[in-house]
């Protein structure tokens, strides 16, 4: 899928900015909230860039506190929520 990411000690930050257009919002910070809401509807709770004071919208933080199978399921749900690029 080609998602940019930043590696940190116990988390990754993923850049979903290309998918903000799927939120049908002109304001990108609002679009980020819409994507987060869609992920929540899929039972994925992810930290938005806005709440992390990111410089630009579209960055989300994923924390690795679950087993691999749970993380894989969560990522699958993220992709279902954000839709095609």
C-alpha atoms as a PDB file:
ATOM      1  CA  UNK A   1       0.000   0.000   0.000  1.00  0.00           C
ATOM      2  CA  UNK A   2       2.935   2.319   0.408  1.00  0.00           C
ATOM      3  CA  UNK A   3       2.472   3.995   3.805  1.00  0.00           C
ATOM      4  CA  UNK A   4       5.218   6.251   5.114  1.00  0.00           C
ATOM      5  CA  UNK A   5       6.135   5.618   8.739  1.00  0.00           C
ATOM      6  CA  UNK A   6       8.528   6.649  11.496  1.00  0.00           C
ATOM      7  CA  UNK A   7      10.022   4.033  13.813  1.00  0.00           C
ATOM      8  CA  UNK A   8      10.101   4.757  17.547  1.00  0.00           C
ATOM      9  CA  UNK A   9      11.033   2.560  20.527  1.00  0.00           C
ATOM     10  CA  UNK A  10       7.548   1.218  21.330  1.00  0.00           C
ATOM     11  CA  UNK A  11       5.431   2.694  18.578  1.00  0.00           C
ATOM     12  CA  UNK A  12       5.312   3.682  14.940  1.00  0.00           C
ATOM     13  CA  UNK A  13       3.866   6.819  13.463  1.00  0.00           C
ATOM     14  CA  UNK A  14       2.124   6.143  10.173  1.00  0.00           C
ATOM     15  CA  UNK A  15       1.294   8.777   7.591  1.00  0.00           C
ATOM     16  CA  UNK A  16      -2.255   8.355   6.311  1.00  0.00           C
ATOM     17  CA  UNK A  17      -2.374  11.833   4.777  1.00  0.00           C
ATOM     18  CA  UNK A  18      -3.000  10.456   1.252  1.00  0.00           C
ATOM     19  CA  UNK A  19      -6.230   8.927   2.605  1.00  0.00           C
ATOM     20  CA  UNK A  20      -7.555  12.165   4.123  1.00  0.00           C
ATOM     21  CA  UNK A  21      -9.310  12.901   0.831  1.00  0.00           C
ATOM     22  CA  UNK A  22     -11.503   9.844   1.502  1.00  0.00           C
ATOM     23  CA  UNK A  23     -12.995  11.685   4.474  1.00  0.00           C
ATOM     24  CA  UNK A  24     -14.781  14.203   2.196  1.00  0.00           C
ATOM     25  CA  UNK A  25     -13.552  17.133   4.288  1.00  0.00           C
ATOM     26  CA  UNK A  26     -11.720  20.183   2.968  1.00  0.00           C
ATOM     27  CA  UNK A  27     -10.074  20.860   6.331  1.00  0.00           C
ATOM     28  CA  UNK A  28      -7.369  18.199   6.707  1.00  0.00           C
ATOM     29  CA  UNK A  29      -7.398  18.278  10.534  1.00  0.00           C
ATOM     30  CA  UNK A  30     -11.144  17.599  10.439  1.00  0.00           C
ATOM     31  CA  UNK A  31     -10.542  14.847   7.865  1.00  0.00           C
ATOM     32  CA  UNK A  32      -8.031  13.274  10.260  1.00  0.00           C
ATOM     33  CA  UNK A  33     -10.738  13.181  12.940  1.00  0.00           C
ATOM     34  CA  UNK A  34     -13.167  11.582  10.462  1.00  0.00           C
ATOM     35  CA  UNK A  35     -10.642   8.836   9.660  1.00  0.00           C
ATOM     36  CA  UNK A  36     -10.060   8.267  13.384  1.00  0.00           C
ATOM     37  CA  UNK A  37     -13.823   7.994  13.894  1.00  0.00           C
ATOM     38  CA  UNK A  38     -14.077   5.435  11.070  1.00  0.00           C
ATOM     39  CA  UNK A  39     -11.297   3.426  12.679  1.00  0.00           C
ATOM     40  CA  UNK A  40     -13.131   3.610  16.002  1.00  0.00           C
ATOM     41  CA  UNK A  41     -16.222   2.187  14.314  1.00  0.00           C
ATOM     42  CA  UNK A  42     -14.023  -0.796  13.361  1.00  0.00           C
ATOM     43  CA  UNK A  43     -12.937  -1.051  17.037  1.00  0.00           C
ATOM     44  CA  UNK A  44      -9.460   0.369  16.343  1.00  0.00           C
ATOM     45  CA  UNK A  45      -8.416   3.126  18.706  1.00  0.00           C
ATOM     46  CA  UNK A  46      -5.456   5.037  17.350  1.00  0.00           C
ATOM     47  CA  UNK A  47      -3.829   8.292  18.422  1.00  0.00           C
ATOM     48  CA  UNK A  48      -4.264  11.138  15.945  1.00  0.00           C
ATOM     49  CA  UNK A  49      -1.495  13.475  14.897  1.00  0.00           C
ATOM     50  CA  UNK A  50      -3.464  16.451  16.138  1.00  0.00           C
ATOM     51  CA  UNK A  51      -3.483  15.061  19.679  1.00  0.00           C
ATOM     52  CA  UNK A  52       0.294  14.540  19.372  1.00  0.00           C
ATOM     53  CA  UNK A  53       0.788  18.119  18.112  1.00  0.00           C
ATOM     54  CA  UNK A  54       1.995  16.885  14.722  1.00  0.00           C
ATOM     55  CA  UNK A  55       3.162  19.538  12.276  1.00  0.00           C
ATOM     56  CA  UNK A  56       0.783  18.299   9.586  1.00  0.00           C
ATOM     57  CA  UNK A  57      -2.434  16.244   9.596  1.00  0.00           C
ATOM     58  CA  UNK A  58      -2.548  12.579   8.703  1.00  0.00           C
ATOM     59  CA  UNK A  59       0.009  11.120  11.120  1.00  0.00           C
ATOM     60  CA  UNK A  60      -1.293   8.486  13.532  1.00  0.00           C
ATOM     61  CA  UNK A  61       0.555   6.605  16.289  1.00  0.00           C
ATOM     62  CA  UNK A  62       0.383   2.837  16.646  1.00  0.00           C
ATOM     63  CA  UNK A  63       1.608   1.367  19.929  1.00  0.00           C
ATOM     64  CA  UNK A  64       2.903  -2.190  20.115  1.00  0.00           C
ATOM     65  CA  UNK A  65       1.418  -3.386  23.396  1.00  0.00           C
ATOM     66  CA  UNK A  66      -0.467  -6.365  21.990  1.00  0.00           C
ATOM     67  CA  UNK A  67       0.566  -9.691  20.566  1.00  0.00           C
ATOM     68  CA  UNK A  68       1.354  -9.871  16.854  1.00  0.00           C
ATOM     69  CA  UNK A  69      -1.987 -11.484  15.907  1.00  0.00           C
ATOM     70  CA  UNK A  70      -3.908  -8.653  17.584  1.00  0.00           C
ATOM     71  CA  UNK A  71      -1.743  -6.027  15.880  1.00  0.00           C
ATOM     72  CA  UNK A  72      -2.278  -7.674  12.486  1.00  0.00           C
ATOM     73  CA  UNK A  73      -6.046  -7.733  13.007  1.00  0.00           C
ATOM     74  CA  UNK A  74      -5.982  -4.083  14.034  1.00  0.00           C
ATOM     75  CA  UNK A  75      -4.018  -3.086  10.941  1.00  0.00           C
ATOM     76  CA  UNK A  76      -6.448  -5.038   8.769  1.00  0.00           C
ATOM     77  CA  UNK A  77      -9.270  -3.021  10.311  1.00  0.00           C
ATOM     78  CA  UNK A  78      -7.365   0.230   9.753  1.00  0.00           C
ATOM     79  CA  UNK A  79      -7.171  -0.537   6.026  1.00  0.00           C
ATOM     80  CA  UNK A  80     -10.881  -1.433   5.955  1.00  0.00           C
ATOM     81  CA  UNK A  81     -11.680   1.891   7.642  1.00  0.00           C
ATOM     82  CA  UNK A  82      -9.554   4.178   5.482  1.00  0.00           C
ATOM     83  CA  UNK A  83     -10.554   2.647   2.143  1.00  0.00           C
ATOM     84  CA  UNK A  84      -8.569   2.628  -1.099  1.00  0.00           C
ATOM     85  CA  UNK A  85      -5.994   5.288  -1.792  1.00  0.00           C
END
